[in-house]
Structure formats: C-alpha cells, structure tokens
Protein backbone atom coordinates (compact mmCIF):
# COMPACT_ATOMS: atom_id res chain seq x y z
CA MET A 1 -20.06 -36.19 -88.43
CA THR A 2 -17.20 -36.83 -85.59
CA ASN A 3 -17.70 -37.48 -81.56
CA ILE A 4 -15.71 -36.97 -79.19
CA LEU A 5 -16.32 -38.21 -75.69
CA MET A 6 -14.70 -37.90 -72.35
CA SER A 7 -15.50 -37.79 -68.83
CA ARG A 8 -13.98 -35.12 -67.47
CA GLY A 9 -12.74 -32.16 -69.79
CA ILE A 10 -8.90 -33.32 -70.74
CA LEU A 11 -9.35 -31.79 -74.39
CA HIS A 12 -5.97 -29.94 -74.00
CA HIS A 13 -3.93 -33.11 -72.44
CA PRO A 14 -1.49 -34.78 -74.88
CA ILE A 15 -3.36 -38.20 -75.20
CA ILE A 16 -6.04 -36.13 -76.64
CA VAL A 17 -4.70 -33.59 -78.85
CA SER A 18 -2.43 -36.08 -80.87
CA ASP A 19 -5.48 -37.76 -82.42
CA ALA A 20 -7.92 -34.58 -82.03
CA LYS A 21 -6.02 -32.42 -84.23
CA LYS A 22 -7.19 -34.67 -87.07
CA TYR A 23 -10.81 -33.21 -86.19
CA ILE A 24 -10.15 -29.90 -84.65
CA LYS A 25 -9.15 -27.12 -87.08
CA GLU A 26 -7.35 -23.48 -86.13
CA THR A 27 -9.95 -21.89 -87.97
CA ASP A 28 -13.14 -23.54 -86.48
CA LYS A 29 -15.52 -21.96 -84.67
CA VAL A 30 -16.99 -23.14 -81.74
CA LEU A 31 -19.69 -23.05 -79.20
CA MET A 32 -20.55 -24.40 -75.91
CA VAL A 33 -23.93 -25.46 -75.10
CA ALA A 34 -23.87 -24.49 -71.57
CA PHE A 35 -27.20 -25.91 -70.18
CA SER A 36 -25.88 -29.00 -68.24
CA PHE A 37 -25.86 -26.58 -65.13
CA PHE A 38 -27.14 -28.55 -61.81
CA GLU A 39 -30.42 -26.36 -60.40
CA ASN A 40 -29.33 -26.00 -56.66
CA GLN A 41 -25.37 -24.98 -57.83
CA PHE A 42 -26.33 -21.88 -59.55
CA LYS A 43 -30.02 -20.71 -58.64
CA ASP A 44 -29.79 -17.32 -60.29
CA GLU A 45 -28.58 -15.69 -63.73
CA LYS A 46 -26.08 -14.33 -61.55
CA THR A 47 -24.36 -16.93 -60.30
CA TYR A 48 -24.74 -18.56 -63.46
CA ASP A 49 -22.71 -15.79 -65.05
CA GLN A 50 -20.15 -16.18 -62.34
CA PHE A 51 -19.41 -19.36 -63.86
CA TYR A 52 -20.16 -18.93 -67.59
CA SER A 53 -19.30 -15.63 -68.30
CA PRO A 54 -15.70 -14.02 -69.18
CA GLY A 55 -13.56 -14.33 -66.53
CA GLY A 56 -15.46 -17.15 -64.77
CA GLU A 57 -14.18 -20.84 -63.98
CA TYR A 58 -15.59 -22.63 -66.22
CA TYR A 59 -14.88 -20.43 -69.37
CA ILE A 60 -11.57 -19.78 -68.28
CA LYS A 61 -11.48 -23.36 -68.84
CA MET A 62 -12.55 -24.04 -71.60
CA VAL A 63 -11.42 -20.79 -74.15
CA GLU A 64 -7.63 -22.71 -72.40
CA ALA A 65 -8.68 -26.36 -73.46
CA PHE A 66 -8.72 -25.22 -76.94
CA LEU A 67 -5.70 -23.40 -77.04
CA PRO A 68 -3.59 -26.82 -78.15
CA TYR A 69 -5.47 -26.57 -81.40
CA GLY A 70 -4.77 -23.24 -82.52
CA ILE A 71 -8.34 -21.84 -81.32
CA LYS A 72 -8.74 -18.36 -79.76
CA GLU A 73 -11.04 -16.74 -77.50
CA ASP A 74 -12.79 -14.79 -80.17
CA GLN A 75 -14.05 -18.10 -81.78
CA ILE A 76 -15.70 -19.56 -79.18
CA GLU A 77 -19.11 -18.42 -78.52
CA TRP A 78 -21.50 -19.54 -75.71
CA LEU A 79 -25.15 -20.33 -76.03
CA HIS A 80 -26.36 -18.65 -73.03
CA TYR A 81 -29.53 -20.25 -71.02
CA TYR A 82 -30.88 -17.11 -69.47
CA LYS A 83 -29.87 -14.84 -72.44
CA ASP A 84 -30.76 -16.54 -75.77
CA THR A 85 -33.36 -17.33 -77.64
CA LYS A 86 -34.63 -20.28 -79.67
CA GLU A 87 -34.36 -18.21 -82.86
CA SER A 88 -30.49 -17.24 -81.39
CA ALA A 89 -29.71 -20.51 -80.72
CA ILE A 90 -30.24 -21.96 -84.00
CA GLN A 91 -28.14 -19.08 -85.64
CA LYS A 92 -25.37 -20.07 -83.55
CA ILE A 93 -25.88 -23.51 -83.68
CA GLU A 94 -25.55 -23.21 -87.76
CA LYS A 95 -22.42 -21.06 -87.62
CA ALA A 96 -20.36 -23.04 -85.37
CA ASP A 97 -18.35 -26.03 -87.01
CA ILE A 98 -17.48 -27.76 -83.68
CA ILE A 99 -20.23 -28.49 -80.30
CA TYR A 100 -19.23 -28.57 -76.98
CA PHE A 101 -21.40 -30.10 -74.45
CA PRO A 102 -19.81 -29.61 -70.72
CA GLY A 103 -20.31 -31.99 -67.67
CA GLY A 104 -23.08 -31.62 -65.14
CA SER A 105 -26.32 -33.21 -65.16
CA PRO A 106 -27.63 -35.03 -68.31
CA ILE A 107 -31.04 -35.28 -67.46
CA LEU A 108 -31.61 -31.45 -67.03
CA MET A 109 -29.26 -30.35 -70.35
CA MET A 110 -31.68 -32.49 -72.34
CA GLN A 111 -34.69 -30.92 -70.77
CA ARG A 112 -33.08 -27.12 -71.27
CA ILE A 113 -32.50 -28.49 -75.16
CA ASN A 114 -36.13 -29.31 -75.50
CA GLU A 115 -37.06 -26.20 -73.87
CA PHE A 116 -35.53 -24.26 -75.76
CA LYS A 117 -36.84 -26.67 -79.16
CA ILE A 118 -33.37 -26.89 -81.04
CA LYS A 119 -32.71 -30.84 -80.31
CA GLU A 120 -33.08 -31.33 -84.46
CA ALA A 121 -31.29 -28.15 -85.03
CA LEU A 122 -28.34 -29.84 -82.89
CA GLU A 123 -28.24 -32.92 -84.92
CA SER A 124 -26.77 -31.75 -87.55
CA PRO A 125 -24.27 -34.38 -89.57
CA ASN A 126 -21.63 -31.86 -90.56
CA LYS A 127 -20.23 -31.13 -87.20
CA VAL A 128 -17.83 -32.21 -84.47
CA PHE A 129 -19.24 -32.61 -81.03
CA ILE A 130 -17.55 -33.05 -78.05
CA GLY A 131 -18.58 -33.64 -74.50
CA SER A 132 -17.62 -34.45 -71.09
CA SER A 133 -19.37 -36.37 -69.50
CA ALA A 134 -22.82 -35.59 -69.57
CA GLY A 135 -21.69 -33.99 -72.08
CA ALA A 136 -20.64 -37.16 -74.16
CA MET A 137 -23.46 -39.24 -72.55
CA ILE A 138 -26.54 -37.17 -74.62
CA GLN A 139 -24.90 -37.63 -77.85
CA PHE A 140 -26.45 -41.06 -77.41
CA ASP A 141 -29.75 -41.80 -79.00
CA ASN A 142 -30.49 -43.85 -75.80
CA TYR A 143 -28.19 -43.34 -72.68
CA HIS A 144 -28.37 -44.88 -69.25
CA VAL A 145 -27.80 -42.79 -65.80
CA SER A 146 -25.77 -45.36 -63.10
CA PRO A 147 -26.66 -44.27 -59.90
CA ASP A 148 -25.14 -41.82 -57.71
CA LYS A 149 -24.77 -38.97 -55.37
CA GLU A 150 -26.97 -36.79 -57.67
CA HIS A 151 -29.04 -39.79 -59.37
CA PRO A 152 -30.25 -42.02 -56.79
CA LYS A 153 -32.20 -44.26 -59.25
CA PHE A 154 -30.49 -46.72 -62.32
CA SER A 155 -32.91 -44.90 -65.74
CA TYR A 156 -32.55 -44.76 -69.38
CA GLU A 157 -33.17 -41.93 -70.90
CA GLU A 158 -33.26 -40.20 -74.47
CA GLY A 159 -31.08 -38.21 -75.85
CA LEU A 160 -29.73 -36.51 -79.37
CA ASN A 161 -29.81 -38.98 -81.89
CA LEU A 162 -26.18 -38.99 -82.89
CA ILE A 163 -24.65 -41.85 -81.78
CA SER A 164 -26.76 -45.27 -81.42
CA GLY A 165 -26.10 -49.13 -81.80
CA ILE A 166 -23.13 -48.72 -78.49
CA SER A 167 -23.14 -47.44 -74.84
CA ILE A 168 -20.44 -45.68 -72.67
CA GLU A 169 -19.86 -45.21 -68.78
CA VAL A 170 -18.68 -42.24 -67.71
CA HIS A 171 -16.47 -42.09 -64.80
CA TYR A 172 -15.97 -45.58 -64.63
CA ARG A 173 -14.22 -46.64 -61.39
CA ARG A 174 -15.38 -50.37 -61.14
CA ARG A 175 -17.83 -49.36 -58.36
CA LYS A 176 -20.35 -52.11 -57.55
CA LYS A 177 -23.28 -49.67 -59.13
CA GLN A 178 -21.90 -49.07 -62.17
CA LYS A 179 -21.18 -52.91 -62.93
CA SER A 180 -24.76 -53.66 -61.66
CA ALA A 181 -25.92 -50.81 -64.00
CA LEU A 182 -23.93 -52.37 -67.08
CA ARG A 183 -25.19 -55.42 -66.75
CA LYS A 184 -28.44 -53.73 -66.92
CA VAL A 185 -27.46 -52.05 -69.78
CA ASN A 186 -26.13 -55.41 -71.45
CA ARG A 187 -28.80 -57.62 -70.94
CA ALA A 188 -31.20 -54.74 -72.55
CA TYR A 189 -29.03 -54.55 -75.70
CA ARG A 190 -26.06 -56.50 -75.89
CA HIS A 191 -24.45 -53.82 -77.98
CA PRO A 192 -20.58 -52.76 -77.32
CA ILE A 193 -20.19 -50.92 -74.23
CA ILE A 194 -17.10 -48.72 -73.23
CA ALA A 195 -16.04 -48.14 -70.08
CA ILE A 196 -14.44 -44.24 -70.16
CA PRO A 197 -11.81 -43.69 -67.07
CA ASP A 198 -11.18 -40.01 -66.17
CA GLU A 199 -8.29 -39.91 -68.02
CA GLY A 200 -9.49 -41.57 -71.01
CA ALA A 201 -11.98 -40.62 -74.20
CA VAL A 202 -13.41 -42.32 -77.42
CA ILE A 203 -13.12 -40.70 -80.58
CA ILE A 204 -16.08 -41.83 -83.24
CA ASP A 205 -15.83 -41.30 -86.81
CA GLU A 206 -18.33 -42.36 -89.11
CA HIS A 207 -18.24 -45.79 -87.50
CA GLU A 208 -14.46 -46.36 -86.75
CA VAL A 209 -14.17 -46.24 -83.01
CA LYS A 210 -11.04 -45.45 -81.28
CA LEU A 211 -10.20 -45.93 -77.65
CA LEU A 212 -7.58 -43.21 -75.80
CA GLY A 213 -6.07 -43.18 -72.50
CA ASN A 214 -7.42 -45.90 -70.47
CA ALA A 215 -10.90 -46.38 -72.09
CA PHE A 216 -11.17 -49.73 -72.66
CA LEU A 217 -14.26 -51.97 -74.54
CA MET A 218 -15.94 -53.67 -71.31
CA TYR A 219 -18.60 -55.56 -73.06
CA GLY A 220 -19.23 -56.51 -76.79
CA LYS A 221 -22.30 -58.02 -78.67
CA LYS A 222 -21.62 -61.82 -77.27
CA GLY A 223 -21.36 -60.55 -73.50
CA VAL A 224 -18.81 -59.41 -71.05
CA ILE A 225 -14.77 -58.81 -72.50
CA ARG A 226 -13.39 -57.53 -69.06
C-alpha cells in the first residue's frame, strides 16, 4: 500500500511528480471518490454535476493533474454520490489501481462512505491512495480536526484503517488554533505529527515516510521538534 497525502491538489507539481511517478503508472485506473462536498455548496444533483461531471471545474482539474503521469481521461472513473449504489461503488473500487479522495469535509466524506457501506472495500491493501486536505485526513484510522471556519470545535474522528501511529496537520500555517490542536494530539498519542503546508506532501510507502516540499516533522515520540 502507498499513501500520498497533500494539503492541496498539487499532484501535477514537479515537487510531487518526481517522487510519485514511482507509484503512479501510465496504465493505472483511477477512481475519484467524490463524497467530500459541503452541503451548503452543493445542494442538489445539478450543482454537484456542475463541479464533478465532464466539463466541470473539479473534473477538469483532476484530469489535468494526472497528465504528467501519462494517465488519460478515459482511465479516470468517478464515484458519483447521486448515481452510484453500494454495488456499483464496490465494482469501481475493485477495478481501480488508484483511489483519490478530494478535499472538502472529512466528516461528511466518512459519513457518506459509511452510508454506502463501502468502508471495508476501500481498505484494500493493494492500492495507491491519494488525498488532498480532507482526503488525506480520512486515510488515518483516527484523525483530528483543528478548528477553522468550517469546523468550530476540535474533535477526534474515525477514518479509514489505512494509516496508524502517526498524525498530520493539513494546511499548516502556524496558526494558534492549529498549534493548540497539535499539543492536544501530542499529549493524547505521543506519536509523530507531520505538518503539511499548502506546498508540501507526504508519501508513505509501507513503513517508509518521505516528506516533500515544505512538509516537516513537527512532533516526534518524545515531543516537539520544531
């Protein structure tokens, strides 16, 4: 299993491509799990399609993100919240070599994954998992949510059973609320915590962790590092 974690969708940036090409092959089939949308932004299927369907803003962005790897549009499939069922979702998951989790709401994304009853199917050990922001957070068996404009309170949440024994902070900007949240996480778990600013990423290949761009290890098992 390989996990590629980002704060933003910078999969096509040179700082990611040079290392990620080891894991993303031009013959791979990609599945976009389009379950992370905020309800106040996408109130119905029509507004959802305007963003995620062919010609939509996010659709175009993601197709272009895979071009540096030689992956073409017809190799990318979408898990559609309104049109797919549990059965069709599982079929798409099984066919995919790469699972991509977009940014948005991690809590709502996990709610929808559980609603479709596809959590176990998504926890396959034989795939490459890529996620930006919320899509990076949910790859951990337990993740934390730092307070921001969408999430007024700190919380611990249950994610996918893909990564354990480590935490990340996406969109790290040295904000006081972020630092406070990370102190809580450090006291609770005493395990490594990686800060991922918007121009950073992390690749976890089995038990090897590689930091890209300006991502850095903020806490080790013995406490704060920087």
